[in-house]
Amino acid sequence: MLNCAVCHGVSGKGDGKVVEFLNRRPTDLTIIQKNSKGVFPFDRLYEVIDGRVAVGPHGPREMPIFGRDYSQEAGEYYGITTPKDIDSYVRGRIVALIGYIYSLQEK
């Protein structure tokens, strides 16, 4: 809710408060699995959310890079300093977020 709802909306349908200020409408998070032929694209979501590695020639990136943000959070807020522990923290946050997105999928 803290990071995603402002663009994707509380329901995840892409109708957040700032949608009118964006160049592209945010993805409707409730139909990701439906749009992927019934398969939930975990790896693709991970790459998009993490954002620290280029995902391909998709043009400018509008979505924030949460992998970077979570790395900073690990160090600044939790005092985690080793790269291995920071990566573990980031992975945990992203996997939890993907789990939440999975729970939003239309049945």
PDB file of N, CA and C in Angstrom:
ATOM      1  N   MET A   1       0.815  -1.201   0.000  1.00  0.00           N
ATOM      2  CA  MET A   1       0.000   0.000   0.000  1.00  0.00           C
ATOM      3  C   MET A   1       0.860   1.267   0.000  1.00  0.00           C
ATOM      4  N   LEU A   2       1.951   1.218   0.756  1.00  0.00           N
ATOM      5  CA  LEU A   2       2.786   2.409   0.905  1.00  0.00           C
ATOM      6  C   LEU A   2       3.396   2.852  -0.424  1.00  0.00           C
ATOM      7  N   ASN A   3       3.929   1.932  -1.186  1.00  0.00           N
ATOM      8  CA  ASN A   3       4.630   2.297  -2.419  1.00  0.00           C
ATOM      9  C   ASN A   3       3.791   2.165  -3.680  1.00  0.00           C
ATOM     10  N   CYS A   4       2.890   1.226  -3.721  1.00  0.00           N
ATOM     11  CA  CYS A   4       2.234   0.865  -4.984  1.00  0.00           C
ATOM     12  C   CYS A   4       0.887   1.534  -5.209  1.00  0.00           C
ATOM     13  N   ALA A   5       0.118   1.742  -4.139  1.00  0.00           N
ATOM     14  CA  ALA A   5      -1.261   2.213  -4.284  1.00  0.00           C
ATOM     15  C   ALA A   5      -1.357   3.592  -4.920  1.00  0.00           C
ATOM     16  N   VAL A   6      -0.361   4.424  -4.748  1.00  0.00           N
ATOM     17  CA  VAL A   6      -0.419   5.768  -5.313  1.00  0.00           C
ATOM     18  C   VAL A   6      -0.563   5.722  -6.842  1.00  0.00           C
ATOM     19  N   CYS A   7       0.009   4.713  -7.479  1.00  0.00           N
ATOM     20  CA  CYS A   7      -0.129   4.553  -8.932  1.00  0.00           C
ATOM     21  C   CYS A   7      -1.131   3.461  -9.304  1.00  0.00           C
ATOM     22  N   HIS A   8      -0.990   2.283  -8.682  1.00  0.00           N
ATOM     23  CA  HIS A   8      -1.817   1.130  -9.039  1.00  0.00           C
ATOM     24  C   HIS A   8      -3.178   1.136  -8.363  1.00  0.00           C
ATOM     25  N   GLY A   9      -3.379   1.994  -7.375  1.00  0.00           N
ATOM     26  CA  GLY A   9      -4.654   2.066  -6.675  1.00  0.00           C
ATOM     27  C   GLY A   9      -4.740   1.064  -5.541  1.00  0.00           C
ATOM     28  N   VAL A  10      -5.624   1.316  -4.619  1.00  0.00           N
ATOM     29  CA  VAL A  10      -5.805   0.437  -3.459  1.00  0.00           C
ATOM     30  C   VAL A  10      -6.236  -0.953  -3.907  1.00  0.00           C
ATOM     31  N   SER A  11      -7.051  -1.020  -4.948  1.00  0.00           N
ATOM     32  CA  SER A  11      -7.532  -2.315  -5.446  1.00  0.00           C
ATOM     33  C   SER A  11      -6.545  -2.982  -6.392  1.00  0.00           C
ATOM     34  N   GLY A  12      -5.500  -2.238  -6.820  1.00  0.00           N
ATOM     35  CA  GLY A  12      -4.514  -2.782  -7.755  1.00  0.00           C
ATOM     36  C   GLY A  12      -4.927  -2.676  -9.209  1.00  0.00           C
ATOM     37  N   LYS A  13      -6.000  -1.972  -9.509  1.00  0.00           N
ATOM     38  CA  LYS A  13      -6.527  -1.915 -10.867  1.00  0.00           C
ATOM     39  C   LYS A  13      -5.925  -0.819 -11.744  1.00  0.00           C
ATOM     40  N   GLY A  14      -4.909  -0.114 -11.235  1.00  0.00           N
ATOM     41  CA  GLY A  14      -4.258   0.921 -12.040  1.00  0.00           C
ATOM     42  C   GLY A  14      -4.941   2.270 -11.957  1.00  0.00           C
ATOM     43  N   ASP A  15      -5.679   2.488 -10.884  1.00  0.00           N
ATOM     44  CA  ASP A  15      -6.454   3.723 -10.761  1.00  0.00           C
ATOM     45  C   ASP A  15      -6.037   4.547  -9.544  1.00  0.00           C
ATOM     46  N   GLY A  16      -4.736   4.651  -9.337  1.00  0.00           N
ATOM     47  CA  GLY A  16      -4.213   5.384  -8.193  1.00  0.00           C
ATOM     48  C   GLY A  16      -4.386   6.887  -8.310  1.00  0.00           C
ATOM     49  N   LYS A  17      -4.068   7.578  -7.247  1.00  0.00           N
ATOM     50  CA  LYS A  17      -4.284   9.027  -7.149  1.00  0.00           C
ATOM     51  C   LYS A  17      -3.471   9.840  -8.147  1.00  0.00           C
ATOM     52  N   VAL A  18      -2.303   9.339  -8.561  1.00  0.00           N
ATOM     53  CA  VAL A  18      -1.451  10.127  -9.453  1.00  0.00           C
ATOM     54  C   VAL A  18      -1.556   9.714 -10.920  1.00  0.00           C
ATOM     55  N   VAL A  19      -2.497   8.853 -11.253  1.00  0.00           N
ATOM     56  CA  VAL A  19      -2.591   8.311 -12.605  1.00  0.00           C
ATOM     57  C   VAL A  19      -2.679   9.409 -13.669  1.00  0.00           C
ATOM     58  N   GLU A  20      -3.335  10.513 -13.370  1.00  0.00           N
ATOM     59  CA  GLU A  20      -3.480  11.588 -14.350  1.00  0.00           C
ATOM     60  C   GLU A  20      -2.154  12.284 -14.671  1.00  0.00           C
ATOM     61  N   PHE A  21      -1.152  12.111 -13.817  1.00  0.00           N
ATOM     62  CA  PHE A  21       0.141  12.759 -14.025  1.00  0.00           C
ATOM     63  C   PHE A  21       1.160  11.856 -14.709  1.00  0.00           C
ATOM     64  N   LEU A  22       0.790  10.621 -14.975  1.00  0.00           N
ATOM     65  CA  LEU A  22       1.714   9.651 -15.577  1.00  0.00           C
ATOM     66  C   LEU A  22       1.574   9.643 -17.094  1.00  0.00           C
ATOM     67  N   ASN A  23       2.655   9.286 -17.762  1.00  0.00           N
ATOM     68  CA  ASN A  23       2.636   9.182 -19.222  1.00  0.00           C
ATOM     69  C   ASN A  23       1.841   7.966 -19.690  1.00  0.00           C
ATOM     70  N   ARG A  24       1.909   6.895 -18.913  1.00  0.00           N
ATOM     71  CA  ARG A  24       1.185   5.655 -19.219  1.00  0.00           C
ATOM     72  C   ARG A  24       0.379   5.246 -18.008  1.00  0.00           C
ATOM     73  N   ARG A  25      -0.773   4.683 -18.253  1.00  0.00           N
ATOM     74  CA  ARG A  25      -1.607   4.181 -17.155  1.00  0.00           C
ATOM     75  C   ARG A  25      -0.886   2.992 -16.507  1.00  0.00           C
ATOM     76  N   PRO A  26      -0.856   2.934 -15.187  1.00  0.00           N
ATOM     77  CA  PRO A  26      -0.208   1.806 -14.506  1.00  0.00           C
ATOM     78  C   PRO A  26      -0.903   0.481 -14.823  1.00  0.00           C
ATOM     79  N   THR A  27      -0.153  -0.577 -14.755  1.00  0.00           N
ATOM     80  CA  THR A  27      -0.682  -1.906 -15.000  1.00  0.00           C
ATOM     81  C   THR A  27      -1.789  -2.242 -14.017  1.00  0.00           C
ATOM     82  N   ASP A  28      -2.830  -2.897 -14.508  1.00  0.00           N
ATOM     83  CA  ASP A  28      -3.873  -3.447 -13.649  1.00  0.00           C
ATOM     84  C   ASP A  28      -3.290  -4.726 -13.055  1.00  0.00           C
ATOM     85  N   LEU A  29      -2.932  -4.678 -11.796  1.00  0.00           N
ATOM     86  CA  LEU A  29      -2.261  -5.807 -11.145  1.00  0.00           C
ATOM     87  C   LEU A  29      -3.174  -7.007 -10.933  1.00  0.00           C
ATOM     88  N   THR A  30      -4.482  -6.824 -11.105  1.00  0.00           N
ATOM     89  CA  THR A  30      -5.420  -7.925 -10.846  1.00  0.00           C
ATOM     90  C   THR A  30      -5.559  -8.881 -12.022  1.00  0.00           C
ATOM     91  N   ILE A  31      -5.037  -8.510 -13.181  1.00  0.00           N
ATOM     92  CA  ILE A  31      -5.195  -9.369 -14.365  1.00  0.00           C
ATOM     93  C   ILE A  31      -3.850  -9.800 -14.961  1.00  0.00           C
ATOM     94  N   ILE A  32      -2.808  -9.711 -14.190  1.00  0.00           N
ATOM     95  CA  ILE A  32      -1.484 -10.116 -14.693  1.00  0.00           C
ATOM     96  C   ILE A  32      -1.485 -11.579 -15.109  1.00  0.00           C
ATOM     97  N   GLN A  33      -2.014 -12.436 -14.263  1.00  0.00           N
ATOM     98  CA  GLN A  33      -2.047 -13.873 -14.570  1.00  0.00           C
ATOM     99  C   GLN A  33      -2.942 -14.146 -15.780  1.00  0.00           C
ATOM    100  N   LYS A  34      -4.079 -13.506 -15.838  1.00  0.00           N
ATOM    101  CA  LYS A  34      -4.999 -13.666 -16.965  1.00  0.00           C
ATOM    102  C   LYS A  34      -4.321 -13.254 -18.271  1.00  0.00           C
ATOM    103  N   ASN A  35      -3.592 -12.145 -18.241  1.00  0.00           N
ATOM    104  CA  ASN A  35      -2.904 -11.663 -19.443  1.00  0.00           C
ATOM    105  C   ASN A  35      -1.681 -12.492 -19.804  1.00  0.00           C
ATOM    106  N   SER A  36      -1.276 -13.379 -18.919  1.00  0.00           N
ATOM    107  CA  SER A  36      -0.129 -14.263 -19.168  1.00  0.00           C
ATOM    108  C   SER A  36      -0.599 -15.690 -19.405  1.00  0.00           C
ATOM    109  N   LYS A  37      -1.766 -15.815 -20.044  1.00  0.00           N
ATOM    110  CA  LYS A  37      -2.336 -17.121 -20.408  1.00  0.00           C
ATOM    111  C   LYS A  37      -2.520 -18.029 -19.200  1.00  0.00           C
ATOM    112  N   GLY A  38      -2.885 -17.445 -18.064  1.00  0.00           N
ATOM    113  CA  GLY A  38      -3.183 -18.220 -16.872  1.00  0.00           C
ATOM    114  C   GLY A  38      -1.988 -18.587 -16.021  1.00  0.00           C
ATOM    115  N   VAL A  39      -0.802 -18.165 -16.439  1.00  0.00           N
ATOM    116  CA  VAL A  39       0.418 -18.468 -15.685  1.00  0.00           C
ATOM    117  C   VAL A  39       0.887 -17.195 -14.981  1.00  0.00           C
ATOM    118  N   PHE A  40       1.090 -17.273 -13.690  1.00  0.00           N
ATOM    119  CA  PHE A  40       1.554 -16.110 -12.947  1.00  0.00           C
ATOM    120  C   PHE A  40       3.046 -15.918 -13.211  1.00  0.00           C
ATOM    121  N   PRO A  41       3.457 -14.791 -13.810  1.00  0.00           N
ATOM    122  CA  PRO A  41       4.846 -14.592 -14.260  1.00  0.00           C
ATOM    123  C   PRO A  41       5.765 -14.077 -13.135  1.00  0.00           C
ATOM    124  N   PHE A  42       6.048 -14.938 -12.172  1.00  0.00           N
ATOM    125  CA  PHE A  42       6.840 -14.564 -11.008  1.00  0.00           C
ATOM    126  C   PHE A  42       8.172 -13.916 -11.400  1.00  0.00           C
ATOM    127  N   ASP A  43       8.940 -14.584 -12.259  1.00  0.00           N
ATOM    128  CA  ASP A  43      10.268 -14.070 -12.626  1.00  0.00           C
ATOM    129  C   ASP A  43      10.189 -12.692 -13.274  1.00  0.00           C
ATOM    130  N   ARG A  44       9.239 -12.506 -14.161  1.00  0.00           N
ATOM    131  CA  ARG A  44       9.088 -11.214 -14.842  1.00  0.00           C
ATOM    132  C   ARG A  44       8.734 -10.120 -13.840  1.00  0.00           C
ATOM    133  N   LEU A  45       7.815 -10.416 -12.923  1.00  0.00           N
ATOM    134  CA  LEU A  45       7.456  -9.432 -11.905  1.00  0.00           C
ATOM    135  C   LEU A  45       8.654  -9.096 -11.038  1.00  0.00           C
ATOM    136  N   TYR A  46       9.423 -10.109 -10.686  1.00  0.00           N
ATOM    137  CA  TYR A  46      10.606  -9.876  -9.857  1.00  0.00           C
ATOM    138  C   TYR A  46      11.543  -8.885 -10.548  1.00  0.00           C
ATOM    139  N   GLU A  47      11.802  -9.107 -11.825  1.00  0.00           N
ATOM    140  CA  GLU A  47      12.703  -8.227 -12.574  1.00  0.00           C
ATOM    141  C   GLU A  47      12.170  -6.795 -12.641  1.00  0.00           C
ATOM    142  N   VAL A  48      10.873  -6.657 -12.861  1.00  0.00           N
ATOM    143  CA  VAL A  48      10.281  -5.324 -12.972  1.00  0.00           C
ATOM    144  C   VAL A  48      10.332  -4.596 -11.629  1.00  0.00           C
ATOM    145  N   ILE A  49       9.960  -5.297 -10.564  1.00  0.00           N
ATOM    146  CA  ILE A  49       9.955  -4.671  -9.243  1.00  0.00           C
ATOM    147  C   ILE A  49      11.373  -4.342  -8.803  1.00  0.00           C
ATOM    148  N   ASP A  50      12.294  -5.285  -8.984  1.00  0.00           N
ATOM    149  CA  ASP A  50      13.679  -5.076  -8.559  1.00  0.00           C
ATOM    150  C   ASP A  50      14.293  -3.909  -9.319  1.00  0.00           C
ATOM    151  N   GLY A  51      14.236  -3.968 -10.645  1.00  0.00           N
ATOM    152  CA  GLY A  51      14.653  -2.854 -11.478  1.00  0.00           C
ATOM    153  C   GLY A  51      16.132  -2.562 -11.552  1.00  0.00           C
ATOM    154  N   ARG A  52      16.945  -3.281 -10.776  1.00  0.00           N
ATOM    155  CA  ARG A  52      18.376  -2.970 -10.781  1.00  0.00           C
ATOM    156  C   ARG A  52      19.071  -3.505 -12.026  1.00  0.00           C
ATOM    157  N   VAL A  53      18.427  -4.426 -12.729  1.00  0.00           N
ATOM    158  CA  VAL A  53      18.961  -4.971 -13.968  1.00  0.00           C
ATOM    159  C   VAL A  53      18.004  -4.559 -15.083  1.00  0.00           C
ATOM    160  N   ALA A  54      18.548  -4.085 -16.191  1.00  0.00           N
ATOM    161  CA  ALA A  54      17.708  -3.674 -17.314  1.00  0.00           C
ATOM    162  C   ALA A  54      16.864  -4.852 -17.777  1.00  0.00           C
ATOM    163  N   VAL A  55      15.584  -4.594 -18.036  1.00  0.00           N
ATOM    164  CA  VAL A  55      14.654  -5.654 -18.404  1.00  0.00           C
ATOM    165  C   VAL A  55      14.517  -5.776 -19.918  1.00  0.00           C
ATOM    166  N   GLY A  56      15.147  -4.932 -20.658  1.00  0.00           N
ATOM    167  CA  GLY A  56      15.077  -5.024 -22.108  1.00  0.00           C
ATOM    168  C   GLY A  56      14.770  -3.680 -22.728  1.00  0.00           C
ATOM    169  N   PRO A  57      14.582  -3.668 -24.036  1.00  0.00           N
ATOM    170  CA  PRO A  57      14.357  -2.408 -24.749  1.00  0.00           C
ATOM    171  C   PRO A  57      12.921  -1.923 -24.648  1.00  0.00           C
ATOM    172  N   HIS A  58      12.468  -1.610 -23.443  1.00  0.00           N
ATOM    173  CA  HIS A  58      11.094  -1.178 -23.242  1.00  0.00           C
ATOM    174  C   HIS A  58      10.960   0.333 -23.182  1.00  0.00           C
ATOM    175  N   GLY A  59      11.986   1.044 -23.566  1.00  0.00           N
ATOM    176  CA  GLY A  59      11.912   2.497 -23.510  1.00  0.00           C
ATOM    177  C   GLY A  59      12.147   2.992 -22.087  1.00  0.00           C
ATOM    178  N   PRO A  60      11.765   4.231 -21.825  1.00  0.00           N
ATOM    179  CA  PRO A  60      12.021   4.803 -20.497  1.00  0.00           C
ATOM    180  C   PRO A  60      11.267   4.049 -19.401  1.00  0.00           C
ATOM    181  N   ARG A  61      11.880   3.980 -18.256  1.00  0.00           N
ATOM    182  CA  ARG A  61      11.302   3.262 -17.130  1.00  0.00           C
ATOM    183  C   ARG A  61      10.547   4.250 -16.249  1.00  0.00           C
ATOM    184  N   GLU A  62       9.239   4.077 -16.134  1.00  0.00           N
ATOM    185  CA  GLU A  62       8.436   4.958 -15.283  1.00  0.00           C
ATOM    186  C   GLU A  62       8.329   4.426 -13.862  1.00  0.00           C
ATOM    187  N   MET A  63       8.291   3.097 -13.711  1.00  0.00           N
ATOM    188  CA  MET A  63       8.116   2.530 -12.385  1.00  0.00           C
ATOM    189  C   MET A  63       9.398   2.673 -11.573  1.00  0.00           C
ATOM    190  N   PRO A  64       9.282   3.053 -10.313  1.00  0.00           N
ATOM    191  CA  PRO A  64      10.480   3.163  -9.460  1.00  0.00           C
ATOM    192  C   PRO A  64      11.228   1.837  -9.345  1.00  0.00           C
ATOM    193  N   ILE A  65      12.511   1.941  -9.071  1.00  0.00           N
ATOM    194  CA  ILE A  65      13.357   0.759  -8.904  1.00  0.00           C
ATOM    195  C   ILE A  65      13.362   0.403  -7.421  1.00  0.00           C
ATOM    196  N   PHE A  66      12.526  -0.556  -7.047  1.00  0.00           N
ATOM    197  CA  PHE A  66      12.390  -0.888  -5.638  1.00  0.00           C
ATOM    198  C   PHE A  66      13.561  -1.702  -5.105  1.00  0.00           C
ATOM    199  N   GLY A  67      14.287  -2.412  -5.964  1.00  0.00           N
ATOM    200  CA  GLY A  67      15.480  -3.117  -5.501  1.00  0.00           C
ATOM    201  C   GLY A  67      16.485  -2.151  -4.901  1.00  0.00           C
ATOM    202  N   ARG A  68      16.675  -1.042  -5.566  1.00  0.00           N
ATOM    203  CA  ARG A  68      17.573  -0.002  -5.069  1.00  0.00           C
ATOM    204  C   ARG A  68      17.025   0.607  -3.771  1.00  0.00           C
ATOM    205  N   ASP A  69      15.733   0.897  -3.775  1.00  0.00           N
ATOM    206  CA  ASP A  69      15.110   1.493  -2.587  1.00  0.00           C
ATOM    207  C   ASP A  69      15.201   0.557  -1.385  1.00  0.00           C
ATOM    208  N   TYR A  70      14.921  -0.725  -1.607  1.00  0.00           N
ATOM    209  CA  TYR A  70      14.997  -1.698  -0.519  1.00  0.00           C
ATOM    210  C   TYR A  70      16.428  -1.869  -0.026  1.00  0.00           C
ATOM    211  N   SER A  71      17.410  -1.771  -0.926  1.00  0.00           N
ATOM    212  CA  SER A  71      18.821  -1.853  -0.512  1.00  0.00           C
ATOM    213  C   SER A  71      19.164  -0.706   0.426  1.00  0.00           C
ATOM    214  N   GLN A  72      18.719   0.492   0.068  1.00  0.00           N
ATOM    215  CA  GLN A  72      18.960   1.659   0.925  1.00  0.00           C
ATOM    216  C   GLN A  72      18.248   1.492   2.264  1.00  0.00           C
ATOM    217  N   GLU A  73      17.039   1.021   2.228  1.00  0.00           N
ATOM    218  CA  GLU A  73      16.260   0.803   3.447  1.00  0.00           C
ATOM    219  C   GLU A  73      16.968  -0.180   4.374  1.00  0.00           C
ATOM    220  N   ALA A  74      17.536  -1.233   3.789  1.00  0.00           N
ATOM    221  CA  ALA A  74      18.237  -2.240   4.590  1.00  0.00           C
ATOM    222  C   ALA A  74      19.376  -1.610   5.375  1.00  0.00           C
ATOM    223  N   GLY A  75      20.130  -0.756   4.715  1.00  0.00           N
ATOM    224  CA  GLY A  75      21.266  -0.119   5.375  1.00  0.00           C
ATOM    225  C   GLY A  75      20.887   1.004   6.316  1.00  0.00           C
ATOM    226  N   GLU A  76      20.045   1.903   5.847  1.00  0.00           N
ATOM    227  CA  GLU A  76      19.715   3.093   6.625  1.00  0.00           C
ATOM    228  C   GLU A  76      18.790   2.803   7.803  1.00  0.00           C
ATOM    229  N   TYR A  77      17.800   1.972   7.589  1.00  0.00           N
ATOM    230  CA  TYR A  77      16.801   1.753   8.626  1.00  0.00           C
ATOM    231  C   TYR A  77      17.141   0.566   9.527  1.00  0.00           C
ATOM    232  N   TYR A  78      17.657  -0.495   8.913  1.00  0.00           N
ATOM    233  CA  TYR A  78      17.923  -1.715   9.679  1.00  0.00           C
ATOM    234  C   TYR A  78      19.397  -1.932   9.998  1.00  0.00           C
ATOM    235  N   GLY A  79      20.277  -1.124   9.444  1.00  0.00           N
ATOM    236  CA  GLY A  79      21.695  -1.247   9.736  1.00  0.00           C
ATOM    237  C   GLY A  79      22.354  -2.478   9.136  1.00  0.00           C
ATOM    238  N   ILE A  80      21.768  -3.027   8.095  1.00  0.00           N
ATOM    239  CA  ILE A  80      22.347  -4.183   7.414  1.00  0.00           C
ATOM    240  C   ILE A  80      23.452  -3.663   6.507  1.00  0.00           C
ATOM    241  N   THR A  81      24.640  -4.255   6.593  1.00  0.00           N
ATOM    242  CA  THR A  81      25.767  -3.692   5.853  1.00  0.00           C
ATOM    243  C   THR A  81      26.426  -4.642   4.861  1.00  0.00           C
ATOM    244  N   THR A  82      26.354  -5.934   5.058  1.00  0.00           N
ATOM    245  CA  THR A  82      27.048  -6.831   4.132  1.00  0.00           C
ATOM    246  C   THR A  82      26.219  -7.024   2.868  1.00  0.00           C
ATOM    247  N   PRO A  83      26.863  -7.065   1.711  1.00  0.00           N
ATOM    248  CA  PRO A  83      26.131  -7.222   0.452  1.00  0.00           C
ATOM    249  C   PRO A  83      25.222  -8.451   0.436  1.00  0.00           C
ATOM    250  N   LYS A  84      25.702  -9.546   0.989  1.00  0.00           N
ATOM    251  CA  LYS A  84      24.895 -10.771   1.008  1.00  0.00           C
ATOM    252  C   LYS A  84      23.624 -10.569   1.825  1.00  0.00           C
ATOM    253  N   ASP A  85      23.734  -9.935   2.972  1.00  0.00           N
ATOM    254  CA  ASP A  85      22.567  -9.698   3.819  1.00  0.00           C
ATOM    255  C   ASP A  85      21.622  -8.671   3.202  1.00  0.00           C
ATOM    256  N   ILE A  86      22.178  -7.665   2.535  1.00  0.00           N
ATOM    257  CA  ILE A  86      21.339  -6.680   1.852  1.00  0.00           C
ATOM    258  C   ILE A  86      20.546  -7.358   0.743  1.00  0.00           C
ATOM    259  N   ASP A  87      21.213  -8.196  -0.052  1.00  0.00           N
ATOM    260  CA  ASP A  87      20.518  -8.911  -1.126  1.00  0.00           C
ATOM    261  C   ASP A  87      19.427  -9.823  -0.576  1.00  0.00           C
ATOM    262  N   SER A  88      19.689 -10.459   0.552  1.00  0.00           N
ATOM    263  CA  SER A  88      18.680 -11.318   1.173  1.00  0.00           C
ATOM    264  C   SER A  88      17.473 -10.498   1.611  1.00  0.00           C
ATOM    265  N   TYR A  89      17.717  -9.344   2.182  1.00  0.00           N
ATOM    266  CA  TYR A  89      16.641  -8.456   2.609  1.00  0.00           C
ATOM    267  C   TYR A  89      15.806  -8.014   1.404  1.00  0.00           C
ATOM    268  N   VAL A  90      16.490  -7.595   0.340  1.00  0.00           N
ATOM    269  CA  VAL A  90      15.798  -7.138  -0.867  1.00  0.00           C
ATOM    270  C   VAL A  90      14.952  -8.264  -1.443  1.00  0.00           C
ATOM    271  N   ARG A  91      15.524  -9.459  -1.544  1.00  0.00           N
ATOM    272  CA  ARG A  91      14.777 -10.608  -2.070  1.00  0.00           C
ATOM    273  C   ARG A  91      13.518 -10.869  -1.245  1.00  0.00           C
ATOM    274  N   GLY A  92      13.663 -10.820   0.066  1.00  0.00           N
ATOM    275  CA  GLY A  92      12.518 -11.061   0.943  1.00  0.00           C
ATOM    276  C   GLY A  92      11.404 -10.053   0.730  1.00  0.00           C
ATOM    277  N   ARG A  93      11.774  -8.786   0.610  1.00  0.00           N
ATOM    278  CA  ARG A  93      10.769  -7.735   0.389  1.00  0.00           C
ATOM    279  C   ARG A  93      10.064  -7.924  -0.958  1.00  0.00           C
ATOM    280  N   ILE A  94      10.840  -8.229  -1.994  1.00  0.00           N
ATOM    281  CA  ILE A  94      10.254  -8.387  -3.319  1.00  0.00           C
ATOM    282  C   ILE A  94       9.364  -9.624  -3.377  1.00  0.00           C
ATOM    283  N   VAL A  95       9.807 -10.726  -2.808  1.00  0.00           N
ATOM    284  CA  VAL A  95       8.997 -11.949  -2.806  1.00  0.00           C
ATOM    285  C   VAL A  95       7.687 -11.725  -2.046  1.00  0.00           C
ATOM    286  N   ALA A  96       7.749 -11.000  -0.924  1.00  0.00           N
ATOM    287  CA  ALA A  96       6.526 -10.691  -0.173  1.00  0.00           C
ATOM    288  C   ALA A  96       5.579  -9.844  -1.024  1.00  0.00           C
ATOM    289  N   LEU A  97       6.113  -8.882  -1.734  1.00  0.00           N
ATOM    290  CA  LEU A  97       5.288  -8.027  -2.590  1.00  0.00           C
ATOM    291  C   LEU A  97       4.657  -8.838  -3.720  1.00  0.00           C
ATOM    292  N   ILE A  98       5.424  -9.722  -4.324  1.00  0.00           N
ATOM    293  CA  ILE A  98       4.879 -10.563  -5.395  1.00  0.00           C
ATOM    294  C   ILE A  98       3.782 -11.477  -4.839  1.00  0.00           C
ATOM    295  N   GLY A  99       3.962 -11.964  -3.629  1.00  0.00           N
ATOM    296  CA  GLY A  99       2.914 -12.769  -2.995  1.00  0.00           C
ATOM    297  C   GLY A  99       1.625 -11.979  -2.844  1.00  0.00           C
ATOM    298  N   TYR A 100       1.754 -10.714  -2.470  1.00  0.00           N
ATOM    299  CA  TYR A 100       0.579  -9.854  -2.343  1.00  0.00           C
ATOM    300  C   TYR A 100      -0.073  -9.647  -3.708  1.00  0.00           C
ATOM    301  N   ILE A 101       0.727  -9.392  -4.734  1.00  0.00           N
ATOM    302  CA  ILE A 101       0.189  -9.202  -6.077  1.00  0.00           C
ATOM    303  C   ILE A 101      -0.527 -10.467  -6.532  1.00  0.00           C
ATOM    304  N   TYR A 102       0.032 -11.618  -6.201  1.00  0.00           N
ATOM    305  CA  TYR A 102      -0.615 -12.880  -6.558  1.00  0.00           C
ATOM    306  C   TYR A 102      -1.996 -12.981  -5.907  1.00  0.00           C
ATOM    307  N   SER A 103      -2.104 -12.498  -4.676  1.00  0.00           N
ATOM    308  CA  SER A 103      -3.391 -12.568  -3.971  1.00  0.00           C
ATOM    309  C   SER A 103      -4.452 -11.661  -4.599  1.00  0.00           C
ATOM    310  N   LEU A 104      -4.045 -10.697  -5.411  1.00  0.00           N
ATOM    311  CA  LEU A 104      -4.969  -9.787  -6.072  1.00  0.00           C
ATOM    312  C   LEU A 104      -5.541 -10.344  -7.374  1.00  0.00           C
ATOM    313  N   GLN A 105      -4.987 -11.443  -7.862  1.00  0.00           N
ATOM    314  CA  GLN A 105      -5.380 -11.952  -9.173  1.00  0.00           C
ATOM    315  C   GLN A 105      -6.855 -12.327  -9.219  1.00  0.00           C
ATOM    316  N   GLU A 106      -7.508 -11.938 -10.324  1.00  0.00           N
ATOM    317  CA  GLU A 106      -8.903 -12.312 -10.533  1.00  0.00           C
ATOM    318  C   GLU A 106      -8.992 -13.818 -10.674  1.00  0.00           C
ATOM    319  N   LYS A 107      -9.994 -14.383 -10.091  1.00  0.00           N
ATOM    320  CA  LYS A 107     -10.175 -15.842 -10.148  1.00  0.00           C
ATOM    321  C   LYS A 107     -11.056 -16.225 -11.305  1.00  0.00           C
TER     322      LYS A 107
END
